[in-house]
Structures are given as C-alpha cells and as structure tokens.
C-alpha cells in the first residue's frame, strides 16, 4: 500500500517493480514480510526479482 492508500498488484515481481517505481517508490522504501509472516510472505525469489528490478530502474533514472 502506498502512502496515498492506493494498492498496486501484479503477479510478476518485475512488473510490480515497474508499477512501484512509476509511483515514485525506490527499492529502499519497499517492505515485504518475511517467512515468519506465513502465507502473506512472498517467495524469496520474488523478493530478489522485485528488488533487483527496482534497483535497475533507480540506477537508469539517475
């Protein structure tokens, strides 16, 4: 959820990263629950893919 209350959804973590970045959010501001949160925690590979793509977008934008 964004500070505005809006939510973004995508099945593909790279697509979600692009939506988040377009909303003005950089990877250092993204929080995801870890394995202790149970079923709501994303898979480790999804976390890596999302953070990697966000980092690429930030670096290409600067």
PDB file of N, CA and C in Angstrom:
ATOM      1  N   UNK A   1       0.846  -1.170   0.000  1.00  0.00           N
ATOM      2  CA  UNK A   1       0.000   0.000   0.000  1.00  0.00           C
ATOM      3  C   UNK A   1       0.894   1.236   0.000  1.00  0.00           C
ATOM      4  N   UNK A   2       0.503   2.182  -0.815  1.00  0.00           N
ATOM      5  CA  UNK A   2       1.243   3.437  -0.890  1.00  0.00           C
ATOM      6  C   UNK A   2       0.747   4.396   0.184  1.00  0.00           C
ATOM      7  N   UNK A   3       1.502   5.438   0.423  1.00  0.00           N
ATOM      8  CA  UNK A   3       1.119   6.432   1.429  1.00  0.00           C
ATOM      9  C   UNK A   3      -0.236   7.062   1.104  1.00  0.00           C
ATOM     10  N   UNK A   4      -0.599   7.055  -0.155  1.00  0.00           N
ATOM     11  CA  UNK A   4      -1.889   7.615  -0.581  1.00  0.00           C
ATOM     12  C   UNK A   4      -3.047   6.681  -0.271  1.00  0.00           C
ATOM     13  N   UNK A   5      -2.724   5.437   0.102  1.00  0.00           N
ATOM     14  CA  UNK A   5      -3.750   4.433   0.348  1.00  0.00           C
ATOM     15  C   UNK A   5      -3.984   3.542  -0.857  1.00  0.00           C
ATOM     16  N   UNK A   6      -3.401   3.896  -1.990  1.00  0.00           N
ATOM     17  CA  UNK A   6      -3.551   3.089  -3.196  1.00  0.00           C
ATOM     18  C   UNK A   6      -2.767   1.792  -3.060  1.00  0.00           C
ATOM     19  N   UNK A   7      -3.234   0.757  -3.714  1.00  0.00           N
ATOM     20  CA  UNK A   7      -2.514  -0.514  -3.742  1.00  0.00           C
ATOM     21  C   UNK A   7      -2.156  -0.846  -5.186  1.00  0.00           C
ATOM     22  N   UNK A   8      -1.049  -1.519  -5.350  1.00  0.00           N
ATOM     23  CA  UNK A   8      -0.583  -1.957  -6.663  1.00  0.00           C
ATOM     24  C   UNK A   8      -0.500  -3.472  -6.640  1.00  0.00           C
ATOM     25  N   UNK A   9      -0.933  -4.112  -7.718  1.00  0.00           N
ATOM     26  CA  UNK A   9      -0.895  -5.561  -7.778  1.00  0.00           C
ATOM     27  C   UNK A   9      -0.371  -6.024  -9.127  1.00  0.00           C
ATOM     28  N   UNK A  10       0.419  -7.082  -9.101  1.00  0.00           N
ATOM     29  CA  UNK A  10       0.906  -7.743 -10.310  1.00  0.00           C
ATOM     30  C   UNK A  10       1.393  -9.125  -9.914  1.00  0.00           C
ATOM     31  N   UNK A  11       1.223 -10.088 -10.772  1.00  0.00           N
ATOM     32  CA  UNK A  11       1.707 -11.442 -10.484  1.00  0.00           C
ATOM     33  C   UNK A  11       3.215 -11.552 -10.664  1.00  0.00           C
ATOM     34  N   UNK A  12       3.740 -10.805 -11.619  1.00  0.00           N
ATOM     35  CA  UNK A  12       5.167 -10.845 -11.924  1.00  0.00           C
ATOM     36  C   UNK A  12       5.894  -9.804 -11.080  1.00  0.00           C
ATOM     37  N   UNK A  13       6.914 -10.219 -10.310  1.00  0.00           N
ATOM     38  CA  UNK A  13       7.612  -9.256  -9.448  1.00  0.00           C
ATOM     39  C   UNK A  13       8.300  -8.138 -10.226  1.00  0.00           C
ATOM     40  N   UNK A  14       8.764  -8.416 -11.432  1.00  0.00           N
ATOM     41  CA  UNK A  14       9.402  -7.365 -12.227  1.00  0.00           C
ATOM     42  C   UNK A  14       8.372  -6.342 -12.700  1.00  0.00           C
ATOM     43  N   UNK A  15       7.192  -6.812 -13.048  1.00  0.00           N
ATOM     44  CA  UNK A  15       6.114  -5.900 -13.432  1.00  0.00           C
ATOM     45  C   UNK A  15       5.687  -5.056 -12.233  1.00  0.00           C
ATOM     46  N   UNK A  16       5.604  -5.676 -11.070  1.00  0.00           N
ATOM     47  CA  UNK A  16       5.263  -4.937  -9.853  1.00  0.00           C
ATOM     48  C   UNK A  16       6.322  -3.878  -9.553  1.00  0.00           C
ATOM     49  N   UNK A  17       7.584  -4.216  -9.768  1.00  0.00           N
ATOM     50  CA  UNK A  17       8.660  -3.252  -9.552  1.00  0.00           C
ATOM     51  C   UNK A  17       8.480  -2.039 -10.449  1.00  0.00           C
ATOM     52  N   UNK A  18       8.084  -2.262 -11.682  1.00  0.00           N
ATOM     53  CA  UNK A  18       7.888  -1.141 -12.603  1.00  0.00           C
ATOM     54  C   UNK A  18       6.700  -0.273 -12.187  1.00  0.00           C
ATOM     55  N   UNK A  19       5.641  -0.903 -11.686  1.00  0.00           N
ATOM     56  CA  UNK A  19       4.492  -0.140 -11.192  1.00  0.00           C
ATOM     57  C   UNK A  19       4.876   0.689  -9.969  1.00  0.00           C
ATOM     58  N   UNK A  20       5.614   0.076  -9.060  1.00  0.00           N
ATOM     59  CA  UNK A  20       6.041   0.760  -7.836  1.00  0.00           C
ATOM     60  C   UNK A  20       6.956   1.928  -8.182  1.00  0.00           C
ATOM     61  N   UNK A  21       7.888   1.694  -9.092  1.00  0.00           N
ATOM     62  CA  UNK A  21       8.811   2.749  -9.497  1.00  0.00           C
ATOM     63  C   UNK A  21       8.062   3.902 -10.169  1.00  0.00           C
ATOM     64  N   UNK A  22       7.083   3.578 -11.015  1.00  0.00           N
ATOM     65  CA  UNK A  22       6.289   4.613 -11.687  1.00  0.00           C
ATOM     66  C   UNK A  22       5.503   5.449 -10.672  1.00  0.00           C
ATOM     67  N   UNK A  23       5.216   4.844  -9.511  1.00  0.00           N
ATOM     68  CA  UNK A  23       4.516   5.565  -8.446  1.00  0.00           C
ATOM     69  C   UNK A  23       5.482   6.395  -7.607  1.00  0.00           C
ATOM     70  N   UNK A  24       6.777   6.352  -7.955  1.00  0.00           N
ATOM     71  CA  UNK A  24       7.764   7.175  -7.264  1.00  0.00           C
ATOM     72  C   UNK A  24       8.429   6.517  -6.068  1.00  0.00           C
ATOM     73  N   UNK A  25       8.357   5.207  -5.974  1.00  0.00           N
ATOM     74  CA  UNK A  25       8.932   4.486  -4.831  1.00  0.00           C
ATOM     75  C   UNK A  25      10.237   3.821  -5.241  1.00  0.00           C
ATOM     76  N   UNK A  26      11.289   4.045  -4.472  1.00  0.00           N
ATOM     77  CA  UNK A  26      12.579   3.395  -4.704  1.00  0.00           C
ATOM     78  C   UNK A  26      12.683   2.145  -3.853  1.00  0.00           C
ATOM     79  N   UNK A  27      13.615   1.272  -4.189  1.00  0.00           N
ATOM     80  CA  UNK A  27      13.717  -0.036  -3.521  1.00  0.00           C
ATOM     81  C   UNK A  27      13.987   0.071  -2.026  1.00  0.00           C
ATOM     82  N   UNK A  28      14.638   1.115  -1.581  1.00  0.00           N
ATOM     83  CA  UNK A  28      14.938   1.214  -0.150  1.00  0.00           C
ATOM     84  C   UNK A  28      13.695   1.503   0.680  1.00  0.00           C
ATOM     85  N   UNK A  29      12.599   1.881   0.041  1.00  0.00           N
ATOM     86  CA  UNK A  29      11.352   2.166   0.757  1.00  0.00           C
ATOM     87  C   UNK A  29      10.351   1.013   0.694  1.00  0.00           C
ATOM     88  N   UNK A  30      10.725  -0.076   0.057  1.00  0.00           N
ATOM     89  CA  UNK A  30       9.817  -1.223  -0.075  1.00  0.00           C
ATOM     90  C   UNK A  30      10.034  -2.174   1.089  1.00  0.00           C
ATOM     91  N   UNK A  31       8.952  -2.540   1.739  1.00  0.00           N
ATOM     92  CA  UNK A  31       8.999  -3.501   2.835  1.00  0.00           C
ATOM     93  C   UNK A  31       8.150  -4.695   2.462  1.00  0.00           C
ATOM     94  N   UNK A  32       8.684  -5.890   2.681  1.00  0.00           N
ATOM     95  CA  UNK A  32       7.949  -7.123   2.427  1.00  0.00           C
ATOM     96  C   UNK A  32       8.059  -8.019   3.650  1.00  0.00           C
ATOM     97  N   UNK A  33       6.961  -8.675   4.022  1.00  0.00           N
ATOM     98  CA  UNK A  33       7.025  -9.581   5.162  1.00  0.00           C
ATOM     99  C   UNK A  33       7.969 -10.748   4.869  1.00  0.00           C
ATOM    100  N   UNK A  34       8.607 -11.258   5.913  1.00  0.00           N
ATOM    101  CA  UNK A  34       9.494 -12.405   5.712  1.00  0.00           C
ATOM    102  C   UNK A  34       8.753 -13.702   6.052  1.00  0.00           C
ATOM    103  N   UNK A  35       9.463 -14.791   6.052  1.00  0.00           N
ATOM    104  CA  UNK A  35       8.876 -16.125   6.209  1.00  0.00           C
ATOM    105  C   UNK A  35       8.068 -16.271   7.494  1.00  0.00           C
ATOM    106  N   UNK A  36       8.383 -15.491   8.512  1.00  0.00           N
ATOM    107  CA  UNK A  36       7.659 -15.606   9.778  1.00  0.00           C
ATOM    108  C   UNK A  36       6.222 -15.129   9.671  1.00  0.00           C
ATOM    109  N   UNK A  37       5.903 -14.388   8.627  1.00  0.00           N
ATOM    110  CA  UNK A  37       4.548 -13.863   8.447  1.00  0.00           C
ATOM    111  C   UNK A  37       3.605 -14.912   7.865  1.00  0.00           C
ATOM    112  N   UNK A  38       4.134 -16.054   7.498  1.00  0.00           N
ATOM    113  CA  UNK A  38       3.284 -17.126   6.978  1.00  0.00           C
ATOM    114  C   UNK A  38       2.945 -16.946   5.514  1.00  0.00           C
ATOM    115  N   UNK A  39       1.678 -17.198   5.197  1.00  0.00           N
ATOM    116  CA  UNK A  39       1.232 -17.224   3.801  1.00  0.00           C
ATOM    117  C   UNK A  39       1.302 -15.877   3.082  1.00  0.00           C
ATOM    118  N   UNK A  40       1.355 -14.786   3.813  1.00  0.00           N
ATOM    119  CA  UNK A  40       1.405 -13.489   3.133  1.00  0.00           C
ATOM    120  C   UNK A  40       2.810 -13.121   2.669  1.00  0.00           C
ATOM    121  N   UNK A  41       3.811 -13.862   3.110  1.00  0.00           N
ATOM    122  CA  UNK A  41       5.195 -13.571   2.722  1.00  0.00           C
ATOM    123  C   UNK A  41       5.456 -14.036   1.286  1.00  0.00           C
ATOM    124  N   UNK A  42       6.026 -13.171   0.462  1.00  0.00           N
ATOM    125  CA  UNK A  42       6.362 -13.597  -0.899  1.00  0.00           C
ATOM    126  C   UNK A  42       7.547 -14.565  -0.887  1.00  0.00           C
ATOM    127  N   UNK A  43       7.647 -15.337  -1.941  1.00  0.00           N
ATOM    128  CA  UNK A  43       8.776 -16.256  -2.076  1.00  0.00           C
ATOM    129  C   UNK A  43      10.077 -15.458  -2.147  1.00  0.00           C
ATOM    130  N   UNK A  44      11.152 -16.058  -1.653  1.00  0.00           N
ATOM    131  CA  UNK A  44      12.450 -15.387  -1.664  1.00  0.00           C
ATOM    132  C   UNK A  44      12.868 -14.947  -3.047  1.00  0.00           C
ATOM    133  N   UNK A  45      12.587 -15.769  -4.048  1.00  0.00           N
ATOM    134  CA  UNK A  45      12.978 -15.412  -5.413  1.00  0.00           C
ATOM    135  C   UNK A  45      12.185 -14.203  -5.912  1.00  0.00           C
ATOM    136  N   UNK A  46      10.935 -14.069  -5.476  1.00  0.00           N
ATOM    137  CA  UNK A  46      10.137 -12.903  -5.859  1.00  0.00           C
ATOM    138  C   UNK A  46      10.696 -11.636  -5.226  1.00  0.00           C
ATOM    139  N   UNK A  47      11.127 -11.730  -3.973  1.00  0.00           N
ATOM    140  CA  UNK A  47      11.730 -10.577  -3.305  1.00  0.00           C
ATOM    141  C   UNK A  47      12.983 -10.126  -4.046  1.00  0.00           C
ATOM    142  N   UNK A  48      13.804 -11.099  -4.407  1.00  0.00           N
ATOM    143  CA  UNK A  48      15.054 -10.795  -5.111  1.00  0.00           C
ATOM    144  C   UNK A  48      14.752 -10.152  -6.460  1.00  0.00           C
ATOM    145  N   UNK A  49      13.818 -10.724  -7.211  1.00  0.00           N
ATOM    146  CA  UNK A  49      13.482 -10.204  -8.535  1.00  0.00           C
ATOM    147  C   UNK A  49      12.939  -8.780  -8.447  1.00  0.00           C
ATOM    148  N   UNK A  50      12.058  -8.527  -7.481  1.00  0.00           N
ATOM    149  CA  UNK A  50      11.481  -7.203  -7.321  1.00  0.00           C
ATOM    150  C   UNK A  50      12.560  -6.190  -6.950  1.00  0.00           C
ATOM    151  N   UNK A  51      13.371  -6.501  -5.974  1.00  0.00           N
ATOM    152  CA  UNK A  51      14.423  -5.572  -5.546  1.00  0.00           C
ATOM    153  C   UNK A  51      15.461  -5.345  -6.638  1.00  0.00           C
ATOM    154  N   UNK A  52      15.799  -6.406  -7.374  1.00  0.00           N
ATOM    155  CA  UNK A  52      16.779  -6.263  -8.460  1.00  0.00           C
ATOM    156  C   UNK A  52      16.245  -5.331  -9.545  1.00  0.00           C
ATOM    157  N   UNK A  53      14.986  -5.530  -9.944  1.00  0.00           N
ATOM    158  CA  UNK A  53      14.411  -4.688 -10.995  1.00  0.00           C
ATOM    159  C   UNK A  53      14.269  -3.241 -10.522  1.00  0.00           C
ATOM    160  N   UNK A  54      13.833  -3.040  -9.282  1.00  0.00           N
ATOM    161  CA  UNK A  54      13.738  -1.681  -8.757  1.00  0.00           C
ATOM    162  C   UNK A  54      15.098  -1.004  -8.749  1.00  0.00           C
ATOM    163  N   UNK A  55      16.120  -1.737  -8.356  1.00  0.00           N
ATOM    164  CA  UNK A  55      17.468  -1.176  -8.342  1.00  0.00           C
ATOM    165  C   UNK A  55      17.899  -0.784  -9.758  1.00  0.00           C
ATOM    166  N   UNK A  56      17.612  -1.636 -10.730  1.00  0.00           N
ATOM    167  CA  UNK A  56      17.937  -1.307 -12.125  1.00  0.00           C
ATOM    168  C   UNK A  56      17.240  -0.025 -12.571  1.00  0.00           C
ATOM    169  N   UNK A  57      15.966   0.089 -12.217  1.00  0.00           N
ATOM    170  CA  UNK A  57      15.199   1.270 -12.619  1.00  0.00           C
ATOM    171  C   UNK A  57      15.742   2.530 -11.976  1.00  0.00           C
ATOM    172  N   UNK A  58      16.083   2.449 -10.699  1.00  0.00           N
ATOM    173  CA  UNK A  58      16.633   3.612  -9.996  1.00  0.00           C
ATOM    174  C   UNK A  58      17.955   4.024 -10.619  1.00  0.00           C
ATOM    175  N   UNK A  59      18.822   3.058 -10.883  1.00  0.00           N
ATOM    176  CA  UNK A  59      20.133   3.369 -11.453  1.00  0.00           C
ATOM    177  C   UNK A  59      20.020   3.962 -12.860  1.00  0.00           C
ATOM    178  N   UNK A  60      19.060   3.481 -13.644  1.00  0.00           N
ATOM    179  CA  UNK A  60      18.899   4.002 -15.005  1.00  0.00           C
ATOM    180  C   UNK A  60      18.264   5.388 -15.002  1.00  0.00           C
ATOM    181  N   UNK A  61      17.585   5.723 -13.903  1.00  0.00           N
ATOM    182  CA  UNK A  61      16.906   7.011 -13.812  1.00  0.00           C
ATOM    183  C   UNK A  61      17.839   8.121 -13.314  1.00  0.00           C
ATOM    184  N   UNK A  62      18.929   7.754 -12.646  1.00  0.00           N
ATOM    185  CA  UNK A  62      19.804   8.764 -12.064  1.00  0.00           C
ATOM    186  C   UNK A  62      20.870   9.213 -13.031  1.00  0.00           C
TER     187      UNK A  62
END
